[in-house]
Amino acid sequence: MKPVVFLEQAVRDLEETTNFYMDQTGFDLSMRFFRALRKATSLLIANPRLGAAVKGLNAGLGVRWFPLASPFQKYLIFYRLGTKDTEVIRVLHASRNIAEILNSTLDYF
């Protein structure tokens, strides 16, 4: 089993989401979000190919996606399989312009 590593931009995504939930509804919903994230991360550790391949991005990067559990299923974890770990690239809400965000993020790789 490969460990999951959150890259810098993914950590920022999580901070923004947590701050949003704290501002809007308080601590309880933020904790529920983190539990859903932990559950999805545990599933990816056990089954790294569980997510679907992302189509239409910069070629050859092998990016996959996997949703968080309900009620946060509109948050998607974007990751790729490394030789030693699974790298979480971004954690984005499905309503965002995912192709544009990922292409701009992946330009750095």
PDB file of N, CA and C in Angstrom:
ATOM      1  N   MET A   1       0.832  -1.181   0.000  1.00  0.00           N
ATOM      2  CA  MET A   1       0.000   0.000   0.000  1.00  0.00           C
ATOM      3  C   MET A   1       0.879   1.247   0.000  1.00  0.00           C
ATOM      4  N   LYS A   2       0.519   2.176  -0.875  1.00  0.00           N
ATOM      5  CA  LYS A   2       1.260   3.425  -0.987  1.00  0.00           C
ATOM      6  C   LYS A   2       0.612   4.501  -0.119  1.00  0.00           C
ATOM      7  N   PRO A   3       1.414   5.299   0.568  1.00  0.00           N
ATOM      8  CA  PRO A   3       0.831   6.404   1.340  1.00  0.00           C
ATOM      9  C   PRO A   3       0.282   7.479   0.405  1.00  0.00           C
ATOM     10  N   VAL A   4      -0.643   8.259   0.930  1.00  0.00           N
ATOM     11  CA  VAL A   4      -1.202   9.390   0.196  1.00  0.00           C
ATOM     12  C   VAL A   4      -0.517  10.659   0.683  1.00  0.00           C
ATOM     13  N   VAL A   5      -0.040  11.441  -0.273  1.00  0.00           N
ATOM     14  CA  VAL A   5       0.649  12.701   0.020  1.00  0.00           C
ATOM     15  C   VAL A   5      -0.153  13.827  -0.620  1.00  0.00           C
ATOM     16  N   PHE A   6      -0.469  14.857   0.165  1.00  0.00           N
ATOM     17  CA  PHE A   6      -1.195  16.014  -0.345  1.00  0.00           C
ATOM     18  C   PHE A   6      -0.188  17.075  -0.776  1.00  0.00           C
ATOM     19  N   LEU A   7      -0.214  17.421  -2.064  1.00  0.00           N
ATOM     20  CA  LEU A   7       0.670  18.460  -2.567  1.00  0.00           C
ATOM     21  C   LEU A   7       0.187  19.833  -2.082  1.00  0.00           C
ATOM     22  N   GLU A   8       1.042  20.817  -2.207  1.00  0.00           N
ATOM     23  CA  GLU A   8       0.791  22.141  -1.637  1.00  0.00           C
ATOM     24  C   GLU A   8      -0.559  22.737  -2.049  1.00  0.00           C
ATOM     25  N   GLN A   9      -0.902  22.664  -3.329  1.00  0.00           N
ATOM     26  CA  GLN A   9      -2.158  23.263  -3.773  1.00  0.00           C
ATOM     27  C   GLN A   9      -3.365  22.502  -3.214  1.00  0.00           C
ATOM     28  N   ALA A  10      -3.254  21.198  -3.045  1.00  0.00           N
ATOM     29  CA  ALA A  10      -4.335  20.419  -2.438  1.00  0.00           C
ATOM     30  C   ALA A  10      -4.547  20.835  -0.988  1.00  0.00           C
ATOM     31  N   VAL A  11      -3.463  21.094  -0.289  1.00  0.00           N
ATOM     32  CA  VAL A  11      -3.564  21.566   1.102  1.00  0.00           C
ATOM     33  C   VAL A  11      -4.275  22.918   1.139  1.00  0.00           C
ATOM     34  N   ARG A  12      -3.933  23.796   0.205  1.00  0.00           N
ATOM     35  CA  ARG A  12      -4.623  25.097   0.129  1.00  0.00           C
ATOM     36  C   ARG A  12      -6.109  24.921  -0.148  1.00  0.00           C
ATOM     37  N   ASP A  13      -6.435  23.995  -1.054  1.00  0.00           N
ATOM     38  CA  ASP A  13      -7.853  23.722  -1.343  1.00  0.00           C
ATOM     39  C   ASP A  13      -8.586  23.314  -0.074  1.00  0.00           C
ATOM     40  N   LEU A  14      -7.963  22.449   0.715  1.00  0.00           N
ATOM     41  CA  LEU A  14      -8.583  21.968   1.946  1.00  0.00           C
ATOM     42  C   LEU A  14      -8.718  23.082   2.977  1.00  0.00           C
ATOM     43  N   GLU A  15      -7.718  23.937   3.066  1.00  0.00           N
ATOM     44  CA  GLU A  15      -7.810  25.077   3.986  1.00  0.00           C
ATOM     45  C   GLU A  15      -8.965  26.001   3.593  1.00  0.00           C
ATOM     46  N   GLU A  16      -9.089  26.297   2.302  1.00  0.00           N
ATOM     47  CA  GLU A  16     -10.174  27.162   1.826  1.00  0.00           C
ATOM     48  C   GLU A  16     -11.542  26.553   2.121  1.00  0.00           C
ATOM     49  N   THR A  17     -11.677  25.266   1.869  1.00  0.00           N
ATOM     50  CA  THR A  17     -12.954  24.598   2.101  1.00  0.00           C
ATOM     51  C   THR A  17     -13.289  24.567   3.585  1.00  0.00           C
ATOM     52  N   THR A  18     -12.312  24.245   4.394  1.00  0.00           N
ATOM     53  CA  THR A  18     -12.531  24.211   5.839  1.00  0.00           C
ATOM     54  C   THR A  18     -12.913  25.587   6.366  1.00  0.00           C
ATOM     55  N   ASN A  19     -12.217  26.614   5.912  1.00  0.00           N
ATOM     56  CA  ASN A  19     -12.547  27.979   6.337  1.00  0.00           C
ATOM     57  C   ASN A  19     -13.960  28.362   5.902  1.00  0.00           C
ATOM     58  N   PHE A  20     -14.346  27.965   4.704  1.00  0.00           N
ATOM     59  CA  PHE A  20     -15.698  28.248   4.228  1.00  0.00           C
ATOM     60  C   PHE A  20     -16.737  27.610   5.150  1.00  0.00           C
ATOM     61  N   TYR A  21     -16.563  26.326   5.450  1.00  0.00           N
ATOM     62  CA  TYR A  21     -17.531  25.639   6.320  1.00  0.00           C
ATOM     63  C   TYR A  21     -17.526  26.220   7.727  1.00  0.00           C
ATOM     64  N   MET A  22     -16.362  26.596   8.230  1.00  0.00           N
ATOM     65  CA  MET A  22     -16.305  27.206   9.562  1.00  0.00           C
ATOM     66  C   MET A  22     -17.062  28.530   9.581  1.00  0.00           C
ATOM     67  N   ASP A  23     -16.878  29.336   8.535  1.00  0.00           N
ATOM     68  CA  ASP A  23     -17.560  30.633   8.455  1.00  0.00           C
ATOM     69  C   ASP A  23     -19.062  30.488   8.274  1.00  0.00           C
ATOM     70  N   GLN A  24     -19.465  29.509   7.477  1.00  0.00           N
ATOM     71  CA  GLN A  24     -20.880  29.361   7.140  1.00  0.00           C
ATOM     72  C   GLN A  24     -21.683  28.615   8.201  1.00  0.00           C
ATOM     73  N   THR A  25     -21.110  27.541   8.728  1.00  0.00           N
ATOM     74  CA  THR A  25     -21.910  26.677   9.596  1.00  0.00           C
ATOM     75  C   THR A  25     -21.229  26.281  10.900  1.00  0.00           C
ATOM     76  N   GLY A  26     -19.932  26.498  10.990  1.00  0.00           N
ATOM     77  CA  GLY A  26     -19.252  26.179  12.234  1.00  0.00           C
ATOM     78  C   GLY A  26     -18.449  24.892  12.187  1.00  0.00           C
ATOM     79  N   PHE A  27     -17.965  24.524  13.339  1.00  0.00           N
ATOM     80  CA  PHE A  27     -17.012  23.438  13.508  1.00  0.00           C
ATOM     81  C   PHE A  27     -17.553  22.064  13.092  1.00  0.00           C
ATOM     82  N   ASP A  28     -18.802  21.763  13.398  1.00  0.00           N
ATOM     83  CA  ASP A  28     -19.338  20.419  13.149  1.00  0.00           C
ATOM     84  C   ASP A  28     -19.268  20.017  11.684  1.00  0.00           C
ATOM     85  N   LEU A  29     -19.685  20.898  10.786  1.00  0.00           N
ATOM     86  CA  LEU A  29     -19.661  20.552   9.366  1.00  0.00           C
ATOM     87  C   LEU A  29     -18.229  20.448   8.848  1.00  0.00           C
ATOM     88  N   SER A  30     -17.350  21.272   9.358  1.00  0.00           N
ATOM     89  CA  SER A  30     -15.939  21.166   8.985  1.00  0.00           C
ATOM     90  C   SER A  30     -15.381  19.803   9.364  1.00  0.00           C
ATOM     91  N   MET A  31     -15.731  19.329  10.535  1.00  0.00           N
ATOM     92  CA  MET A  31     -15.257  18.010  10.975  1.00  0.00           C
ATOM     93  C   MET A  31     -15.866  16.897  10.133  1.00  0.00           C
ATOM     94  N   ARG A  32     -17.123  17.036   9.767  1.00  0.00           N
ATOM     95  CA  ARG A  32     -17.748  16.038   8.880  1.00  0.00           C
ATOM     96  C   ARG A  32     -17.031  16.003   7.527  1.00  0.00           C
ATOM     97  N   PHE A  33     -16.636  17.180   7.039  1.00  0.00           N
ATOM     98  CA  PHE A  33     -15.889  17.241   5.780  1.00  0.00           C
ATOM     99  C   PHE A  33     -14.576  16.476   5.909  1.00  0.00           C
ATOM    100  N   PHE A  34     -13.849  16.690   6.998  1.00  0.00           N
ATOM    101  CA  PHE A  34     -12.577  15.998   7.187  1.00  0.00           C
ATOM    102  C   PHE A  34     -12.755  14.489   7.368  1.00  0.00           C
ATOM    103  N   ARG A  35     -13.844  14.084   8.006  1.00  0.00           N
ATOM    104  CA  ARG A  35     -14.102  12.640   8.117  1.00  0.00           C
ATOM    105  C   ARG A  35     -14.361  12.033   6.737  1.00  0.00           C
ATOM    106  N   ALA A  36     -15.105  12.745   5.889  1.00  0.00           N
ATOM    107  CA  ALA A  36     -15.355  12.260   4.523  1.00  0.00           C
ATOM    108  C   ALA A  36     -14.052  12.202   3.730  1.00  0.00           C
ATOM    109  N   LEU A  37     -13.189  13.190   3.925  1.00  0.00           N
ATOM    110  CA  LEU A  37     -11.890  13.196   3.259  1.00  0.00           C
ATOM    111  C   LEU A  37     -11.034  12.026   3.741  1.00  0.00           C
ATOM    112  N   ARG A  38     -11.021  11.799   5.044  1.00  0.00           N
ATOM    113  CA  ARG A  38     -10.237  10.687   5.602  1.00  0.00           C
ATOM    114  C   ARG A  38     -10.744   9.339   5.080  1.00  0.00           C
ATOM    115  N   LYS A  39     -12.055   9.196   4.969  1.00  0.00           N
ATOM    116  CA  LYS A  39     -12.624   7.951   4.445  1.00  0.00           C
ATOM    117  C   LYS A  39     -12.211   7.735   2.991  1.00  0.00           C
ATOM    118  N   ALA A  40     -12.306   8.779   2.174  1.00  0.00           N
ATOM    119  CA  ALA A  40     -11.913   8.662   0.767  1.00  0.00           C
ATOM    120  C   ALA A  40     -10.421   8.360   0.652  1.00  0.00           C
ATOM    121  N   THR A  41      -9.613   9.008   1.472  1.00  0.00           N
ATOM    122  CA  THR A  41      -8.171   8.781   1.453  1.00  0.00           C
ATOM    123  C   THR A  41      -7.846   7.339   1.847  1.00  0.00           C
ATOM    124  N   SER A  42      -8.537   6.814   2.842  1.00  0.00           N
ATOM    125  CA  SER A  42      -8.331   5.416   3.256  1.00  0.00           C
ATOM    126  C   SER A  42      -8.669   4.458   2.118  1.00  0.00           C
ATOM    127  N   LEU A  43      -9.744   4.746   1.404  1.00  0.00           N
ATOM    128  CA  LEU A  43     -10.114   3.911   0.256  1.00  0.00           C
ATOM    129  C   LEU A  43      -9.046   3.963  -0.833  1.00  0.00           C
ATOM    130  N   LEU A  44      -8.483   5.148  -1.064  1.00  0.00           N
ATOM    131  CA  LEU A  44      -7.445   5.269  -2.086  1.00  0.00           C
ATOM    132  C   LEU A  44      -6.144   4.592  -1.668  1.00  0.00           C
ATOM    133  N   ILE A  45      -5.846   4.581  -0.383  1.00  0.00           N
ATOM    134  CA  ILE A  45      -4.657   3.867   0.087  1.00  0.00           C
ATOM    135  C   ILE A  45      -4.818   2.370  -0.186  1.00  0.00           C
ATOM    136  N   ALA A  46      -5.987   1.850   0.106  1.00  0.00           N
ATOM    137  CA  ALA A  46      -6.244   0.417  -0.082  1.00  0.00           C
ATOM    138  C   ALA A  46      -6.417   0.041  -1.555  1.00  0.00           C
ATOM    139  N   ASN A  47      -6.989   0.957  -2.350  1.00  0.00           N
ATOM    140  CA  ASN A  47      -7.298   0.679  -3.757  1.00  0.00           C
ATOM    141  C   ASN A  47      -6.955   1.896  -4.617  1.00  0.00           C
ATOM    142  N   PRO A  48      -5.682   2.147  -4.898  1.00  0.00           N
ATOM    143  CA  PRO A  48      -5.296   3.387  -5.566  1.00  0.00           C
ATOM    144  C   PRO A  48      -5.890   3.575  -6.963  1.00  0.00           C
ATOM    145  N   ARG A  49      -6.279   2.518  -7.619  1.00  0.00           N
ATOM    146  CA  ARG A  49      -6.860   2.643  -8.963  1.00  0.00           C
ATOM    147  C   ARG A  49      -8.389   2.729  -8.920  1.00  0.00           C
ATOM    148  N   LEU A  50      -8.924   2.958  -7.741  1.00  0.00           N
ATOM    149  CA  LEU A  50     -10.375   3.035  -7.560  1.00  0.00           C
ATOM    150  C   LEU A  50     -10.987   4.187  -8.342  1.00  0.00           C
ATOM    151  N   GLY A  51     -10.319   5.301  -8.426  1.00  0.00           N
ATOM    152  CA  GLY A  51     -10.843   6.471  -9.125  1.00  0.00           C
ATOM    153  C   GLY A  51     -10.806   6.303 -10.630  1.00  0.00           C
ATOM    154  N   ALA A  52     -11.539   7.178 -11.304  1.00  0.00           N
ATOM    155  CA  ALA A  52     -11.601   7.159 -12.766  1.00  0.00           C
ATOM    156  C   ALA A  52     -10.512   8.056 -13.347  1.00  0.00           C
ATOM    157  N   ALA A  53     -10.030   7.687 -14.529  1.00  0.00           N
ATOM    158  CA  ALA A  53      -9.038   8.508 -15.218  1.00  0.00           C
ATOM    159  C   ALA A  53      -9.686   9.805 -15.685  1.00  0.00           C
ATOM    160  N   VAL A  54      -8.949  10.886 -15.573  1.00  0.00           N
ATOM    161  CA  VAL A  54      -9.426  12.189 -16.044  1.00  0.00           C
ATOM    162  C   VAL A  54      -9.069  12.293 -17.517  1.00  0.00           C
ATOM    163  N   LYS A  55     -10.042  12.627 -18.339  1.00  0.00           N
ATOM    164  CA  LYS A  55      -9.830  12.770 -19.782  1.00  0.00           C
ATOM    165  C   LYS A  55      -9.651  14.244 -20.126  1.00  0.00           C
ATOM    166  N   GLY A  56      -8.906  14.512 -21.195  1.00  0.00           N
ATOM    167  CA  GLY A  56      -8.807  15.847 -21.740  1.00  0.00           C
ATOM    168  C   GLY A  56      -7.810  16.771 -21.078  1.00  0.00           C
ATOM    169  N   LEU A  57      -6.918  16.232 -20.265  1.00  0.00           N
ATOM    170  CA  LEU A  57      -5.896  17.062 -19.635  1.00  0.00           C
ATOM    171  C   LEU A  57      -4.582  16.903 -20.372  1.00  0.00           C
ATOM    172  N   ASN A  58      -3.563  17.601 -19.898  1.00  0.00           N
ATOM    173  CA  ASN A  58      -2.234  17.449 -20.478  1.00  0.00           C
ATOM    174  C   ASN A  58      -1.898  15.965 -20.558  1.00  0.00           C
ATOM    175  N   ALA A  59      -1.446  15.545 -21.716  1.00  0.00           N
ATOM    176  CA  ALA A  59      -1.246  14.119 -21.993  1.00  0.00           C
ATOM    177  C   ALA A  59      -0.190  13.499 -21.080  1.00  0.00           C
ATOM    178  N   GLY A  60      -0.409  12.258 -20.748  1.00  0.00           N
ATOM    179  CA  GLY A  60       0.593  11.459 -20.078  1.00  0.00           C
ATOM    180  C   GLY A  60       0.772  11.675 -18.594  1.00  0.00           C
ATOM    181  N   LEU A  61      -0.103  12.412 -17.954  1.00  0.00           N
ATOM    182  CA  LEU A  61       0.095  12.690 -16.535  1.00  0.00           C
ATOM    183  C   LEU A  61      -0.621  11.697 -15.621  1.00  0.00           C
ATOM    184  N   GLY A  62      -1.519  10.897 -16.154  1.00  0.00           N
ATOM    185  CA  GLY A  62      -2.161   9.846 -15.370  1.00  0.00           C
ATOM    186  C   GLY A  62      -2.994  10.328 -14.205  1.00  0.00           C
ATOM    187  N   VAL A  63      -3.673  11.442 -14.351  1.00  0.00           N
ATOM    188  CA  VAL A  63      -4.479  11.982 -13.260  1.00  0.00           C
ATOM    189  C   VAL A  63      -5.802  11.223 -13.173  1.00  0.00           C
ATOM    190  N   ARG A  64      -6.197  10.922 -11.944  1.00  0.00           N
ATOM    191  CA  ARG A  64      -7.449  10.215 -11.671  1.00  0.00           C
ATOM    192  C   ARG A  64      -8.271  11.065 -10.704  1.00  0.00           C
ATOM    193  N   TRP A  65      -9.559  10.759 -10.576  1.00  0.00           N
ATOM    194  CA  TRP A  65     -10.403  11.479  -9.625  1.00  0.00           C
ATOM    195  C   TRP A  65     -11.263  10.498  -8.848  1.00  0.00           C
ATOM    196  N   PHE A  66     -11.649  10.946  -7.644  1.00  0.00           N
ATOM    197  CA  PHE A  66     -12.474  10.123  -6.764  1.00  0.00           C
ATOM    198  C   PHE A  66     -13.282  11.070  -5.881  1.00  0.00           C
ATOM    199  N   PRO A  67     -14.604  10.816  -5.723  1.00  0.00           N
ATOM    200  CA  PRO A  67     -15.426  11.719  -4.904  1.00  0.00           C
ATOM    201  C   PRO A  67     -15.323  11.407  -3.418  1.00  0.00           C
ATOM    202  N   LEU A  68     -15.559  12.435  -2.608  1.00  0.00           N
ATOM    203  CA  LEU A  68     -15.703  12.235  -1.172  1.00  0.00           C
ATOM    204  C   LEU A  68     -17.061  11.592  -0.914  1.00  0.00           C
ATOM    205  N   ALA A  69     -17.263  11.103   0.284  1.00  0.00           N
ATOM    206  CA  ALA A  69     -18.529  10.470   0.664  1.00  0.00           C
ATOM    207  C   ALA A  69     -19.611  11.528   0.873  1.00  0.00           C
ATOM    208  N   SER A  70     -20.848  11.090   0.809  1.00  0.00           N
ATOM    209  CA  SER A  70     -22.014  11.951   1.042  1.00  0.00           C
ATOM    210  C   SER A  70     -21.942  12.535   2.450  1.00  0.00           C
ATOM    211  N   PRO A  71     -22.280  13.763   2.640  1.00  0.00           N
ATOM    212  CA  PRO A  71     -22.927  14.715   1.736  1.00  0.00           C
ATOM    213  C   PRO A  71     -21.935  15.590   0.973  1.00  0.00           C
ATOM    214  N   PHE A  72     -20.690  15.167   0.872  1.00  0.00           N
ATOM    215  CA  PHE A  72     -19.646  15.957   0.219  1.00  0.00           C
ATOM    216  C   PHE A  72     -19.219  15.366  -1.113  1.00  0.00           C
ATOM    217  N   GLN A  73     -20.087  14.579  -1.721  1.00  0.00           N
ATOM    218  CA  GLN A  73     -19.743  13.868  -2.952  1.00  0.00           C
ATOM    219  C   GLN A  73     -19.457  14.796  -4.137  1.00  0.00           C
ATOM    220  N   LYS A  74     -19.793  16.066  -4.020  1.00  0.00           N
ATOM    221  CA  LYS A  74     -19.455  17.006  -5.092  1.00  0.00           C
ATOM    222  C   LYS A  74     -18.020  17.516  -4.975  1.00  0.00           C
ATOM    223  N   TYR A  75     -17.331  17.140  -3.907  1.00  0.00           N
ATOM    224  CA  TYR A  75     -15.906  17.434  -3.797  1.00  0.00           C
ATOM    225  C   TYR A  75     -15.144  16.252  -4.366  1.00  0.00           C
ATOM    226  N   LEU A  76     -14.225  16.552  -5.262  1.00  0.00           N
ATOM    227  CA  LEU A  76     -13.492  15.512  -5.971  1.00  0.00           C
ATOM    228  C   LEU A  76     -12.006  15.611  -5.654  1.00  0.00           C
ATOM    229  N   ILE A  77     -11.421  14.468  -5.352  1.00  0.00           N
ATOM    230  CA  ILE A  77      -9.985  14.370  -5.125  1.00  0.00           C
ATOM    231  C   ILE A  77      -9.339  14.046  -6.470  1.00  0.00           C
ATOM    232  N   PHE A  78      -8.392  14.870  -6.887  1.00  0.00           N
ATOM    233  CA  PHE A  78      -7.641  14.608  -8.108  1.00  0.00           C
ATOM    234  C   PHE A  78      -6.243  14.175  -7.699  1.00  0.00           C
ATOM    235  N   TYR A  79      -5.825  13.026  -8.203  1.00  0.00           N
ATOM    236  CA  TYR A  79      -4.566  12.437  -7.753  1.00  0.00           C
ATOM    237  C   TYR A  79      -3.893  11.680  -8.884  1.00  0.00           C
ATOM    238  N   ARG A  80      -2.644  11.334  -8.646  1.00  0.00           N
ATOM    239  CA  ARG A  80      -1.928  10.467  -9.586  1.00  0.00           C
ATOM    240  C   ARG A  80      -1.063   9.506  -8.788  1.00  0.00           C
ATOM    241  N   LEU A  81      -0.814   8.375  -9.403  1.00  0.00           N
ATOM    242  CA  LEU A  81      -0.043   7.327  -8.752  1.00  0.00           C
ATOM    243  C   LEU A  81       1.430   7.514  -9.046  1.00  0.00           C
ATOM    244  N   GLY A  82       2.197   7.698  -7.986  1.00  0.00           N
ATOM    245  CA  GLY A  82       3.649   7.775  -8.119  1.00  0.00           C
ATOM    246  C   GLY A  82       4.250   6.406  -7.872  1.00  0.00           C
ATOM    247  N   THR A  83       5.546   6.306  -7.955  1.00  0.00           N
ATOM    248  CA  THR A  83       6.195   5.023  -7.714  1.00  0.00           C
ATOM    249  C   THR A  83       6.196   4.653  -6.235  1.00  0.00           C
ATOM    250  N   LYS A  84       6.251   5.685  -5.358  1.00  0.00           N
ATOM    251  CA  LYS A  84       6.313   5.415  -3.924  1.00  0.00           C
ATOM    252  C   LYS A  84       5.072   5.858  -3.162  1.00  0.00           C
ATOM    253  N   ASP A  85       4.252   6.713  -3.784  1.00  0.00           N
ATOM    254  CA  ASP A  85       3.081   7.231  -3.080  1.00  0.00           C
ATOM    255  C   ASP A  85       1.984   7.615  -4.067  1.00  0.00           C
ATOM    256  N   THR A  86       0.861   8.011  -3.519  1.00  0.00           N
ATOM    257  CA  THR A  86      -0.240   8.553  -4.300  1.00  0.00           C
ATOM    258  C   THR A  86      -0.295  10.036  -4.003  1.00  0.00           C
ATOM    259  N   GLU A  87      -0.133  10.861  -5.042  1.00  0.00           N
ATOM    260  CA  GLU A  87      -0.080  12.316  -4.867  1.00  0.00           C
ATOM    261  C   GLU A  87      -1.453  12.932  -5.104  1.00  0.00           C
ATOM    262  N   VAL A  88      -1.992  13.592  -4.091  1.00  0.00           N
ATOM    263  CA  VAL A  88      -3.230  14.341  -4.254  1.00  0.00           C
ATOM    264  C   VAL A  88      -2.839  15.717  -4.785  1.00  0.00           C
ATOM    265  N   ILE A  89      -3.334  16.025  -5.975  1.00  0.00           N
ATOM    266  CA  ILE A  89      -2.974  17.257  -6.660  1.00  0.00           C
ATOM    267  C   ILE A  89      -3.905  18.401  -6.260  1.00  0.00           C
ATOM    268  N   ARG A  90      -5.200  18.133  -6.272  1.00  0.00           N
ATOM    269  CA  ARG A  90      -6.206  19.140  -5.928  1.00  0.00           C
ATOM    270  C   ARG A  90      -7.396  18.442  -5.283  1.00  0.00           C
ATOM    271  N   VAL A  91      -8.186  19.213  -4.527  1.00  0.00           N
ATOM    272  CA  VAL A  91      -9.481  18.771  -4.000  1.00  0.00           C
ATOM    273  C   VAL A  91     -10.443  19.900  -4.359  1.00  0.00           C
ATOM    274  N   LEU A  92     -11.307  19.642  -5.354  1.00  0.00           N
ATOM    275  CA  LEU A  92     -12.130  20.692  -5.937  1.00  0.00           C
ATOM    276  C   LEU A  92     -13.607  20.344  -5.904  1.00  0.00           C
ATOM    277  N   HIS A  93     -14.436  21.362  -5.797  1.00  0.00           N
ATOM    278  CA  HIS A  93     -15.882  21.183  -5.908  1.00  0.00           C
ATOM    279  C   HIS A  93     -16.213  20.996  -7.382  1.00  0.00           C
ATOM    280  N   ALA A  94     -17.143  20.114  -7.684  1.00  0.00           N
ATOM    281  CA  ALA A  94     -17.497  19.774  -9.065  1.00  0.00           C
ATOM    282  C   ALA A  94     -18.067  20.947  -9.850  1.00  0.00           C
ATOM    283  N   SER A  95     -18.548  21.978  -9.169  1.00  0.00           N
ATOM    284  CA  SER A  95     -19.131  23.119  -9.869  1.00  0.00           C
ATOM    285  C   SER A  95     -18.071  24.054 -10.455  1.00  0.00           C
ATOM    286  N   ARG A  96     -16.832  23.859 -10.087  1.00  0.00           N
ATOM    287  CA  ARG A  96     -15.757  24.727 -10.584  1.00  0.00           C
ATOM    288  C   ARG A  96     -15.338  24.306 -11.986  1.00  0.00           C
ATOM    289  N   ASN A  97     -14.580  25.161 -12.654  1.00  0.00           N
ATOM    290  CA  ASN A  97     -14.066  24.857 -13.988  1.00  0.00           C
ATOM    291  C   ASN A  97     -12.851  23.945 -13.830  1.00  0.00           C
ATOM    292  N   ILE A  98     -13.126  22.675 -13.668  1.00  0.00           N
ATOM    293  CA  ILE A  98     -12.088  21.708 -13.314  1.00  0.00           C
ATOM    294  C   ILE A  98     -11.015  21.596 -14.384  1.00  0.00           C
ATOM    295  N   ALA A  99     -11.415  21.519 -15.654  1.00  0.00           N
ATOM    296  CA  ALA A  99     -10.420  21.365 -16.723  1.00  0.00           C
ATOM    297  C   ALA A  99      -9.435  22.529 -16.718  1.00  0.00           C
ATOM    298  N   GLU A 100      -9.929  23.741 -16.592  1.00  0.00           N
ATOM    299  CA  GLU A 100      -9.050  24.912 -16.584  1.00  0.00           C
ATOM    300  C   GLU A 100      -8.137  24.908 -15.354  1.00  0.00           C
ATOM    301  N   ILE A 101      -8.706  24.612 -14.197  1.00  0.00           N
ATOM    302  CA  ILE A 101      -7.914  24.608 -12.960  1.00  0.00           C
ATOM    303  C   ILE A 101      -6.832  23.533 -13.004  1.00  0.00           C
ATOM    304  N   LEU A 102      -7.211  22.334 -13.418  1.00  0.00           N
ATOM    305  CA  LEU A 102      -6.226  21.248 -13.458  1.00  0.00           C
ATOM    306  C   LEU A 102      -5.151  21.496 -14.506  1.00  0.00           C
ATOM    307  N   ASN A 103      -5.552  21.975 -15.681  1.00  0.00           N
ATOM    308  CA  ASN A 103      -4.539  22.249 -16.701  1.00  0.00           C
ATOM    309  C   ASN A 103      -3.553  23.298 -16.218  1.00  0.00           C
ATOM    310  N   SER A 104      -4.043  24.314 -15.533  1.00  0.00           N
ATOM    311  CA  SER A 104      -3.127  25.339 -15.025  1.00  0.00           C
ATOM    312  C   SER A 104      -2.262  24.773 -13.901  1.00  0.00           C
ATOM    313  N   THR A 105      -2.820  23.931 -13.044  1.00  0.00           N
ATOM    314  CA  THR A 105      -2.039  23.304 -11.976  1.00  0.00           C
ATOM    315  C   THR A 105      -0.992  22.367 -12.553  1.00  0.00           C
ATOM    316  N   LEU A 106      -1.380  21.581 -13.542  1.00  0.00           N
ATOM    317  CA  LEU A 106      -0.491  20.557 -14.083  1.00  0.00           C
ATOM    318  C   LEU A 106       0.604  21.134 -14.969  1.00  0.00           C
ATOM    319  N   ASP A 107       0.483  22.386 -15.366  1.00  0.00           N
ATOM    320  CA  ASP A 107       1.549  23.031 -16.130  1.00  0.00           C
ATOM    321  C   ASP A 107       2.847  23.077 -15.341  1.00  0.00           C
ATOM    322  N   TYR A 108       2.742  22.985 -14.008  1.00  0.00           N
ATOM    323  CA  TYR A 108       3.932  23.043 -13.158  1.00  0.00           C
ATOM    324  C   TYR A 108       4.664  21.712 -13.066  1.00  0.00           C
ATOM    325  N   PHE A 109       4.036  20.625 -13.530  1.00  0.00           N
ATOM    326  CA  PHE A 109       4.656  19.301 -13.424  1.00  0.00           C
ATOM    327  C   PHE A 109       5.504  18.997 -14.632  1.00  0.00           C
TER     328      PHE A 109
END
